[in-house]
Amino acid sequence: MPKSKLRDKVKRKRKVAAEAAPLIEPIKVESPKWLVPVMLANFLIGLLWIVVFYISSTAYPIPGIGAWNMVVGFGFVGVGFSLATRWH
């Protein structure tokens, strides 16, 4: 099927809009200095929490909560991922 041709009016509007658009320099956004260390710490704490849970045969890090230790470990990892989305 052949492609339809654009009308001159539409072409002129696009050309005028492109010419009228101001040239704005992008603002360089930097991450806070604390973000990367806190993000990596959350990843490592979560990983170590889950590893200790498995190595100790589900007895540690907090013996009283049982399998909820997995939720705590993945909670730390989730916080790490949420901080990773803010990293520029």
PDB file of N, CA and C in Angstrom:
ATOM      1  N   MET A   1       0.843  -1.164   0.000  1.00  0.00           N
ATOM      2  CA  MET A   1       0.000   0.000   0.000  1.00  0.00           C
ATOM      3  C   MET A   1       0.898   1.240   0.000  1.00  0.00           C
ATOM      4  N   PRO A   2       0.659   2.176  -0.879  1.00  0.00           N
ATOM      5  CA  PRO A   2       1.505   3.364  -0.942  1.00  0.00           C
ATOM      6  C   PRO A   2       1.305   4.257   0.282  1.00  0.00           C
ATOM      7  N   LYS A   3       2.387   4.921   0.644  1.00  0.00           N
ATOM      8  CA  LYS A   3       2.344   5.820   1.792  1.00  0.00           C
ATOM      9  C   LYS A   3       1.689   7.129   1.380  1.00  0.00           C
ATOM     10  N   SER A   4       0.816   7.631   2.235  1.00  0.00           N
ATOM     11  CA  SER A   4       0.134   8.880   1.914  1.00  0.00           C
ATOM     12  C   SER A   4       1.092  10.048   2.090  1.00  0.00           C
ATOM     13  N   LYS A   5       0.887  11.058   1.277  1.00  0.00           N
ATOM     14  CA  LYS A   5       1.747  12.232   1.339  1.00  0.00           C
ATOM     15  C   LYS A   5       1.196  13.209   2.381  1.00  0.00           C
ATOM     16  N   LEU A   6       2.118  13.876   3.077  1.00  0.00           N
ATOM     17  CA  LEU A   6       1.706  14.862   4.059  1.00  0.00           C
ATOM     18  C   LEU A   6       1.311  16.148   3.356  1.00  0.00           C
ATOM     19  N   ARG A   7       0.336  16.787   3.908  1.00  0.00           N
ATOM     20  CA  ARG A   7      -0.074  18.053   3.331  1.00  0.00           C
ATOM     21  C   ARG A   7       0.965  19.119   3.648  1.00  0.00           C
ATOM     22  N   ASP A   8       1.000  20.165   2.829  1.00  0.00           N
ATOM     23  CA  ASP A   8       1.961  21.236   3.030  1.00  0.00           C
ATOM     24  C   ASP A   8       1.756  21.928   4.371  1.00  0.00           C
ATOM     25  N   LYS A   9       0.512  22.043   4.815  1.00  0.00           N
ATOM     26  CA  LYS A   9       0.209  22.717   6.056  1.00  0.00           C
ATOM     27  C   LYS A   9       0.887  21.997   7.239  1.00  0.00           C
ATOM     28  N   VAL A  10       0.833  20.674   7.240  1.00  0.00           N
ATOM     29  CA  VAL A  10       1.436  19.880   8.306  1.00  0.00           C
ATOM     30  C   VAL A  10       2.952  20.011   8.253  1.00  0.00           C
ATOM     31  N   LYS A  11       3.522  20.010   7.060  1.00  0.00           N
ATOM     32  CA  LYS A  11       4.969  20.151   6.916  1.00  0.00           C
ATOM     33  C   LYS A  11       5.422  21.500   7.444  1.00  0.00           C
ATOM     34  N   ARG A  12       4.672  22.558   7.144  1.00  0.00           N
ATOM     35  CA  ARG A  12       5.043  23.886   7.622  1.00  0.00           C
ATOM     36  C   ARG A  12       4.961  23.972   9.137  1.00  0.00           C
ATOM     37  N   LYS A  13       3.930  23.357   9.722  1.00  0.00           N
ATOM     38  CA  LYS A  13       3.790  23.377  11.183  1.00  0.00           C
ATOM     39  C   LYS A  13       4.974  22.677  11.842  1.00  0.00           C
ATOM     40  N   ARG A  14       5.386  21.558  11.291  1.00  0.00           N
ATOM     41  CA  ARG A  14       6.515  20.830  11.852  1.00  0.00           C
ATOM     42  C   ARG A  14       7.800  21.646  11.741  1.00  0.00           C
ATOM     43  N   LYS A  15       7.967  22.309  10.594  1.00  0.00           N
ATOM     44  CA  LYS A  15       9.172  23.095  10.378  1.00  0.00           C
ATOM     45  C   LYS A  15       9.212  24.288  11.330  1.00  0.00           C
ATOM     46  N   VAL A  16       8.086  24.967  11.495  1.00  0.00           N
ATOM     47  CA  VAL A  16       8.016  26.114  12.394  1.00  0.00           C
ATOM     48  C   VAL A  16       8.238  25.670  13.839  1.00  0.00           C
ATOM     49  N   ALA A  17       7.662  24.547  14.223  1.00  0.00           N
ATOM     50  CA  ALA A  17       7.819  24.050  15.590  1.00  0.00           C
ATOM     51  C   ALA A  17       9.273  23.676  15.858  1.00  0.00           C
ATOM     52  N   ALA A  18       9.935  23.102  14.879  1.00  0.00           N
ATOM     53  CA  ALA A  18      11.332  22.719  15.052  1.00  0.00           C
ATOM     54  C   ALA A  18      12.222  23.953  15.159  1.00  0.00           C
ATOM     55  N   GLU A  19      11.912  24.990  14.416  1.00  0.00           N
ATOM     56  CA  GLU A  19      12.709  26.210  14.469  1.00  0.00           C
ATOM     57  C   GLU A  19      12.447  26.996  15.747  1.00  0.00           C
ATOM     58  N   ALA A  20      11.229  26.941  16.238  1.00  0.00           N
ATOM     59  CA  ALA A  20      10.865  27.731  17.404  1.00  0.00           C
ATOM     60  C   ALA A  20      11.272  27.070  18.718  1.00  0.00           C
ATOM     61  N   ALA A  21      11.623  25.801  18.677  1.00  0.00           N
ATOM     62  CA  ALA A  21      11.986  25.101  19.902  1.00  0.00           C
ATOM     63  C   ALA A  21      13.275  25.700  20.461  1.00  0.00           C
ATOM     64  N   PRO A  22      13.254  26.117  21.715  1.00  0.00           N
ATOM     65  CA  PRO A  22      14.459  26.699  22.302  1.00  0.00           C
ATOM     66  C   PRO A  22      15.523  25.632  22.532  1.00  0.00           C
ATOM     67  N   LEU A  23      16.732  26.039  22.397  1.00  0.00           N
ATOM     68  CA  LEU A  23      17.839  25.126  22.635  1.00  0.00           C
ATOM     69  C   LEU A  23      18.189  25.172  24.116  1.00  0.00           C
ATOM     70  N   ILE A  24      17.734  24.176  24.817  1.00  0.00           N
ATOM     71  CA  ILE A  24      17.945  24.103  26.256  1.00  0.00           C
ATOM     72  C   ILE A  24      19.026  23.071  26.520  1.00  0.00           C
ATOM     73  N   GLU A  25      20.014  23.467  27.291  1.00  0.00           N
ATOM     74  CA  GLU A  25      21.059  22.523  27.649  1.00  0.00           C
ATOM     75  C   GLU A  25      20.526  21.581  28.729  1.00  0.00           C
ATOM     76  N   PRO A  26      20.789  20.310  28.584  1.00  0.00           N
ATOM     77  CA  PRO A  26      20.320  19.381  29.613  1.00  0.00           C
ATOM     78  C   PRO A  26      21.051  19.638  30.932  1.00  0.00           C
ATOM     79  N   ILE A  27      20.310  19.550  32.007  1.00  0.00           N
ATOM     80  CA  ILE A  27      20.890  19.751  33.329  1.00  0.00           C
ATOM     81  C   ILE A  27      21.538  18.441  33.761  1.00  0.00           C
ATOM     82  N   LYS A  28      22.796  18.527  34.126  1.00  0.00           N
ATOM     83  CA  LYS A  28      23.499  17.329  34.562  1.00  0.00           C
ATOM     84  C   LYS A  28      23.178  17.075  36.029  1.00  0.00           C
ATOM     85  N   VAL A  29      22.575  15.927  36.267  1.00  0.00           N
ATOM     86  CA  VAL A  29      22.174  15.565  37.617  1.00  0.00           C
ATOM     87  C   VAL A  29      23.158  14.523  38.129  1.00  0.00           C
ATOM     88  N   GLU A  30      23.705  14.787  39.291  1.00  0.00           N
ATOM     89  CA  GLU A  30      24.622  13.834  39.894  1.00  0.00           C
ATOM     90  C   GLU A  30      23.967  13.173  41.097  1.00  0.00           C
ATOM     91  N   SER A  31      24.372  11.963  41.337  1.00  0.00           N
ATOM     92  CA  SER A  31      23.861  11.247  42.502  1.00  0.00           C
ATOM     93  C   SER A  31      24.519  11.785  43.758  1.00  0.00           C
ATOM     94  N   PRO A  32      23.819  11.709  44.887  1.00  0.00           N
ATOM     95  CA  PRO A  32      24.466  12.078  46.143  1.00  0.00           C
ATOM     96  C   PRO A  32      25.620  11.112  46.437  1.00  0.00           C
ATOM     97  N   LYS A  33      26.579  11.569  47.176  1.00  0.00           N
ATOM     98  CA  LYS A  33      27.770  10.756  47.471  1.00  0.00           C
ATOM     99  C   LYS A  33      27.433   9.514  48.291  1.00  0.00           C
ATOM    100  N   TRP A  34      26.376   9.558  49.082  1.00  0.00           N
ATOM    101  CA  TRP A  34      26.040   8.446  49.953  1.00  0.00           C
ATOM    102  C   TRP A  34      25.284   7.335  49.237  1.00  0.00           C
ATOM    103  N   LEU A  35      24.781   7.586  48.048  1.00  0.00           N
ATOM    104  CA  LEU A  35      23.865   6.648  47.396  1.00  0.00           C
ATOM    105  C   LEU A  35      24.523   5.317  47.054  1.00  0.00           C
ATOM    106  N   VAL A  36      25.662   5.350  46.401  1.00  0.00           N
ATOM    107  CA  VAL A  36      26.298   4.100  45.966  1.00  0.00           C
ATOM    108  C   VAL A  36      26.750   3.251  47.149  1.00  0.00           C
ATOM    109  N   PRO A  37      27.413   3.827  48.171  1.00  0.00           N
ATOM    110  CA  PRO A  37      27.781   2.962  49.307  1.00  0.00           C
ATOM    111  C   PRO A  37      26.578   2.348  50.026  1.00  0.00           C
ATOM    112  N   VAL A  38      25.521   3.111  50.185  1.00  0.00           N
ATOM    113  CA  VAL A  38      24.329   2.581  50.859  1.00  0.00           C
ATOM    114  C   VAL A  38      23.666   1.508  49.991  1.00  0.00           C
ATOM    115  N   MET A  39      23.619   1.737  48.680  1.00  0.00           N
ATOM    116  CA  MET A  39      23.033   0.756  47.773  1.00  0.00           C
ATOM    117  C   MET A  39      23.816  -0.561  47.828  1.00  0.00           C
ATOM    118  N   LEU A  40      25.131  -0.480  47.718  1.00  0.00           N
ATOM    119  CA  LEU A  40      25.948  -1.692  47.757  1.00  0.00           C
ATOM    120  C   LEU A  40      25.877  -2.377  49.121  1.00  0.00           C
ATOM    121  N   ALA A  41      25.820  -1.588  50.185  1.00  0.00           N
ATOM    122  CA  ALA A  41      25.698  -2.174  51.522  1.00  0.00           C
ATOM    123  C   ALA A  41      24.392  -2.949  51.659  1.00  0.00           C
ATOM    124  N   ASN A  42      23.306  -2.411  51.130  1.00  0.00           N
ATOM    125  CA  ASN A  42      22.024  -3.125  51.193  1.00  0.00           C
ATOM    126  C   ASN A  42      22.073  -4.422  50.398  1.00  0.00           C
ATOM    127  N   PHE A  43      22.683  -4.383  49.217  1.00  0.00           N
ATOM    128  CA  PHE A  43      22.830  -5.618  48.438  1.00  0.00           C
ATOM    129  C   PHE A  43      23.623  -6.665  49.215  1.00  0.00           C
ATOM    130  N   LEU A  44      24.749  -6.249  49.796  1.00  0.00           N
ATOM    131  CA  LEU A  44      25.603  -7.204  50.497  1.00  0.00           C
ATOM    132  C   LEU A  44      24.962  -7.714  51.783  1.00  0.00           C
ATOM    133  N   ILE A  45      24.318  -6.834  52.534  1.00  0.00           N
ATOM    134  CA  ILE A  45      23.645  -7.274  53.769  1.00  0.00           C
ATOM    135  C   ILE A  45      22.544  -8.272  53.433  1.00  0.00           C
ATOM    136  N   GLY A  46      21.763  -7.984  52.407  1.00  0.00           N
ATOM    137  CA  GLY A  46      20.706  -8.910  52.000  1.00  0.00           C
ATOM    138  C   GLY A  46      21.257 -10.250  51.566  1.00  0.00           C
ATOM    139  N   LEU A  47      22.333 -10.221  50.775  1.00  0.00           N
ATOM    140  CA  LEU A  47      22.949 -11.464  50.313  1.00  0.00           C
ATOM    141  C   LEU A  47      23.506 -12.262  51.490  1.00  0.00           C
ATOM    142  N   LEU A  48      24.238 -11.600  52.366  1.00  0.00           N
ATOM    143  CA  LEU A  48      24.794 -12.301  53.526  1.00  0.00           C
ATOM    144  C   LEU A  48      23.703 -12.837  54.443  1.00  0.00           C
ATOM    145  N   TRP A  49      22.619 -12.082  54.598  1.00  0.00           N
ATOM    146  CA  TRP A  49      21.508 -12.528  55.442  1.00  0.00           C
ATOM    147  C   TRP A  49      20.937 -13.842  54.909  1.00  0.00           C
ATOM    148  N   ILE A  50      20.727 -13.904  53.592  1.00  0.00           N
ATOM    149  CA  ILE A  50      20.152 -15.108  52.986  1.00  0.00           C
ATOM    150  C   ILE A  50      21.140 -16.270  53.042  1.00  0.00           C
ATOM    151  N   VAL A  51      22.423 -16.003  52.818  1.00  0.00           N
ATOM    152  CA  VAL A  51      23.440 -17.065  52.873  1.00  0.00           C
ATOM    153  C   VAL A  51      23.545 -17.631  54.282  1.00  0.00           C
ATOM    154  N   VAL A  52      23.575 -16.761  55.291  1.00  0.00           N
ATOM    155  CA  VAL A  52      23.635 -17.231  56.683  1.00  0.00           C
ATOM    156  C   VAL A  52      22.390 -18.043  57.009  1.00  0.00           C
ATOM    157  N   PHE A  53      21.243 -17.621  56.521  1.00  0.00           N
ATOM    158  CA  PHE A  53      19.996 -18.355  56.761  1.00  0.00           C
ATOM    159  C   PHE A  53      20.083 -19.779  56.211  1.00  0.00           C
ATOM    160  N   TYR A  54      20.628 -19.919  54.997  1.00  0.00           N
ATOM    161  CA  TYR A  54      20.732 -21.253  54.401  1.00  0.00           C
ATOM    162  C   TYR A  54      21.827 -22.087  55.046  1.00  0.00           C
ATOM    163  N   ILE A  55      22.979 -21.486  55.327  1.00  0.00           N
ATOM    164  CA  ILE A  55      24.096 -22.243  55.898  1.00  0.00           C
ATOM    165  C   ILE A  55      23.759 -22.737  57.307  1.00  0.00           C
ATOM    166  N   SER A  56      23.025 -21.947  58.062  1.00  0.00           N
ATOM    167  CA  SER A  56      22.694 -22.333  59.434  1.00  0.00           C
ATOM    168  C   SER A  56      21.478 -23.244  59.516  1.00  0.00           C
ATOM    169  N   SER A  57      21.032 -23.760  58.418  1.00  0.00           N
ATOM    170  CA  SER A  57      19.852 -24.640  58.358  1.00  0.00           C
ATOM    171  C   SER A  57      18.631 -23.955  58.948  1.00  0.00           C
ATOM    172  N   THR A  58      18.398 -22.729  58.538  1.00  0.00           N
ATOM    173  CA  THR A  58      17.237 -21.898  58.897  1.00  0.00           C
ATOM    174  C   THR A  58      17.172 -21.535  60.381  1.00  0.00           C
ATOM    175  N   ALA A  59      18.316 -21.562  61.091  1.00  0.00           N
ATOM    176  CA  ALA A  59      18.319 -21.229  62.511  1.00  0.00           C
ATOM    177  C   ALA A  59      18.713 -19.776  62.773  1.00  0.00           C
ATOM    178  N   TYR A  60      19.521 -19.204  61.947  1.00  0.00           N
ATOM    179  CA  TYR A  60      20.004 -17.830  62.154  1.00  0.00           C
ATOM    180  C   TYR A  60      19.652 -16.997  60.943  1.00  0.00           C
ATOM    181  N   PRO A  61      19.776 -15.743  60.901  1.00  0.00           N
ATOM    182  CA  PRO A  61      20.254 -14.701  61.789  1.00  0.00           C
ATOM    183  C   PRO A  61      19.294 -14.388  62.939  1.00  0.00           C
ATOM    184  N   ILE A  62      18.001 -14.484  62.752  1.00  0.00           N
ATOM    185  CA  ILE A  62      17.070 -14.273  63.869  1.00  0.00           C
ATOM    186  C   ILE A  62      16.318 -15.592  64.055  1.00  0.00           C
ATOM    187  N   PRO A  63      16.652 -16.336  65.113  1.00  0.00           N
ATOM    188  CA  PRO A  63      16.065 -17.675  65.261  1.00  0.00           C
ATOM    189  C   PRO A  63      14.557 -17.692  65.445  1.00  0.00           C
ATOM    190  N   GLY A  64      13.983 -16.679  66.028  1.00  0.00           N
ATOM    191  CA  GLY A  64      12.564 -16.720  66.376  1.00  0.00           C
ATOM    192  C   GLY A  64      11.609 -16.531  65.209  1.00  0.00           C
ATOM    193  N   ILE A  65      12.078 -16.002  64.078  1.00  0.00           N
ATOM    194  CA  ILE A  65      11.123 -15.698  63.007  1.00  0.00           C
ATOM    195  C   ILE A  65      11.116 -16.730  61.880  1.00  0.00           C
ATOM    196  N   GLY A  66      12.004 -17.710  61.955  1.00  0.00           N
ATOM    197  CA  GLY A  66      11.983 -18.813  60.994  1.00  0.00           C
ATOM    198  C   GLY A  66      12.207 -18.370  59.561  1.00  0.00           C
ATOM    199  N   ALA A  67      11.287 -18.765  58.680  1.00  0.00           N
ATOM    200  CA  ALA A  67      11.440 -18.501  57.243  1.00  0.00           C
ATOM    201  C   ALA A  67      11.270 -17.030  56.879  1.00  0.00           C
ATOM    202  N   TRP A  68      10.783 -16.224  57.809  1.00  0.00           N
ATOM    203  CA  TRP A  68      10.672 -14.796  57.538  1.00  0.00           C
ATOM    204  C   TRP A  68      12.041 -14.131  57.378  1.00  0.00           C
ATOM    205  N   ASN A  69      13.092 -14.849  57.766  1.00  0.00           N
ATOM    206  CA  ASN A  69      14.440 -14.351  57.520  1.00  0.00           C
ATOM    207  C   ASN A  69      14.682 -14.129  56.023  1.00  0.00           C
ATOM    208  N   MET A  70      14.060 -14.943  55.201  1.00  0.00           N
ATOM    209  CA  MET A  70      14.181 -14.755  53.740  1.00  0.00           C
ATOM    210  C   MET A  70      13.558 -13.428  53.325  1.00  0.00           C
ATOM    211  N   VAL A  71      12.433 -13.095  53.909  1.00  0.00           N
ATOM    212  CA  VAL A  71      11.766 -11.828  53.583  1.00  0.00           C
ATOM    213  C   VAL A  71      12.642 -10.651  53.992  1.00  0.00           C
ATOM    214  N   VAL A  72      13.279 -10.771  55.155  1.00  0.00           N
ATOM    215  CA  VAL A  72      14.171  -9.698  55.608  1.00  0.00           C
ATOM    216  C   VAL A  72      15.341  -9.548  54.645  1.00  0.00           C
ATOM    217  N   GLY A  73      15.957 -10.662  54.245  1.00  0.00           N
ATOM    218  CA  GLY A  73      17.080 -10.618  53.307  1.00  0.00           C
ATOM    219  C   GLY A  73      16.685 -10.023  51.971  1.00  0.00           C
ATOM    220  N   PHE A  74      15.558 -10.465  51.438  1.00  0.00           N
ATOM    221  CA  PHE A  74      15.104  -9.909  50.155  1.00  0.00           C
ATOM    222  C   PHE A  74      14.628  -8.470  50.318  1.00  0.00           C
ATOM    223  N   GLY A  75      14.227  -8.094  51.526  1.00  0.00           N
ATOM    224  CA  GLY A  75      13.879  -6.691  51.776  1.00  0.00           C
ATOM    225  C   GLY A  75      15.099  -5.794  51.616  1.00  0.00           C
ATOM    226  N   PHE A  76      16.242  -6.232  52.169  1.00  0.00           N
ATOM    227  CA  PHE A  76      17.474  -5.465  51.980  1.00  0.00           C
ATOM    228  C   PHE A  76      17.852  -5.373  50.500  1.00  0.00           C
ATOM    229  N   VAL A  77      17.717  -6.479  49.787  1.00  0.00           N
ATOM    230  CA  VAL A  77      18.032  -6.470  48.354  1.00  0.00           C
ATOM    231  C   VAL A  77      17.069  -5.551  47.610  1.00  0.00           C
ATOM    232  N   GLY A  78      15.799  -5.563  47.983  1.00  0.00           N
ATOM    233  CA  GLY A  78      14.815  -4.681  47.344  1.00  0.00           C
ATOM    234  C   GLY A  78      15.124  -3.215  47.570  1.00  0.00           C
ATOM    235  N   VAL A  79      15.570  -2.875  48.778  1.00  0.00           N
ATOM    236  CA  VAL A  79      15.962  -1.487  49.050  1.00  0.00           C
ATOM    237  C   VAL A  79      17.163  -1.120  48.190  1.00  0.00           C
ATOM    238  N   GLY A  80      18.086  -2.056  48.023  1.00  0.00           N
ATOM    239  CA  GLY A  80      19.237  -1.808  47.154  1.00  0.00           C
ATOM    240  C   GLY A  80      18.812  -1.541  45.723  1.00  0.00           C
ATOM    241  N   PHE A  81      17.857  -2.312  45.215  1.00  0.00           N
ATOM    242  CA  PHE A  81      17.364  -2.084  43.852  1.00  0.00           C
ATOM    243  C   PHE A  81      16.627  -0.754  43.737  1.00  0.00           C
ATOM    244  N   SER A  82      15.878  -0.390  44.749  1.00  0.00           N
ATOM    245  CA  SER A  82      15.181   0.891  44.665  1.00  0.00           C
ATOM    246  C   SER A  82      16.167   2.056  44.678  1.00  0.00           C
ATOM    247  N   LEU A  83      17.261   1.919  45.407  1.00  0.00           N
ATOM    248  CA  LEU A  83      18.296   2.960  45.370  1.00  0.00           C
ATOM    249  C   LEU A  83      19.026   2.957  44.035  1.00  0.00           C
ATOM    250  N   ALA A  84      19.159   1.786  43.428  1.00  0.00           N
ATOM    251  CA  ALA A  84      19.845   1.704  42.137  1.00  0.00           C
ATOM    252  C   ALA A  84      19.089   2.456  41.045  1.00  0.00           C
ATOM    253  N   THR A  85      17.780   2.588  41.188  1.00  0.00           N
ATOM    254  CA  THR A  85      17.015   3.323  40.182  1.00  0.00           C
ATOM    255  C   THR A  85      17.261   4.828  40.258  1.00  0.00           C
ATOM    256  N   ARG A  86      17.801   5.307  41.369  1.00  0.00           N
ATOM    257  CA  ARG A  86      18.077   6.739  41.538  1.00  0.00           C
ATOM    258  C   ARG A  86      19.508   7.112  41.180  1.00  0.00           C
ATOM    259  N   TRP A  87      20.311   6.109  40.807  1.00  0.00           N
ATOM    260  CA  TRP A  87      21.730   6.330  40.521  1.00  0.00           C
ATOM    261  C   TRP A  87      21.898   6.865  39.110  1.00  0.00           C
ATOM    262  N   HIS A  88      22.612   7.976  38.974  1.00  0.00           N
ATOM    263  CA  HIS A  88      22.866   8.577  37.654  1.00  0.00           C
ATOM    264  C   HIS A  88      24.319   8.484  37.323  1.00  0.00           C
TER     265      HIS A  88
END
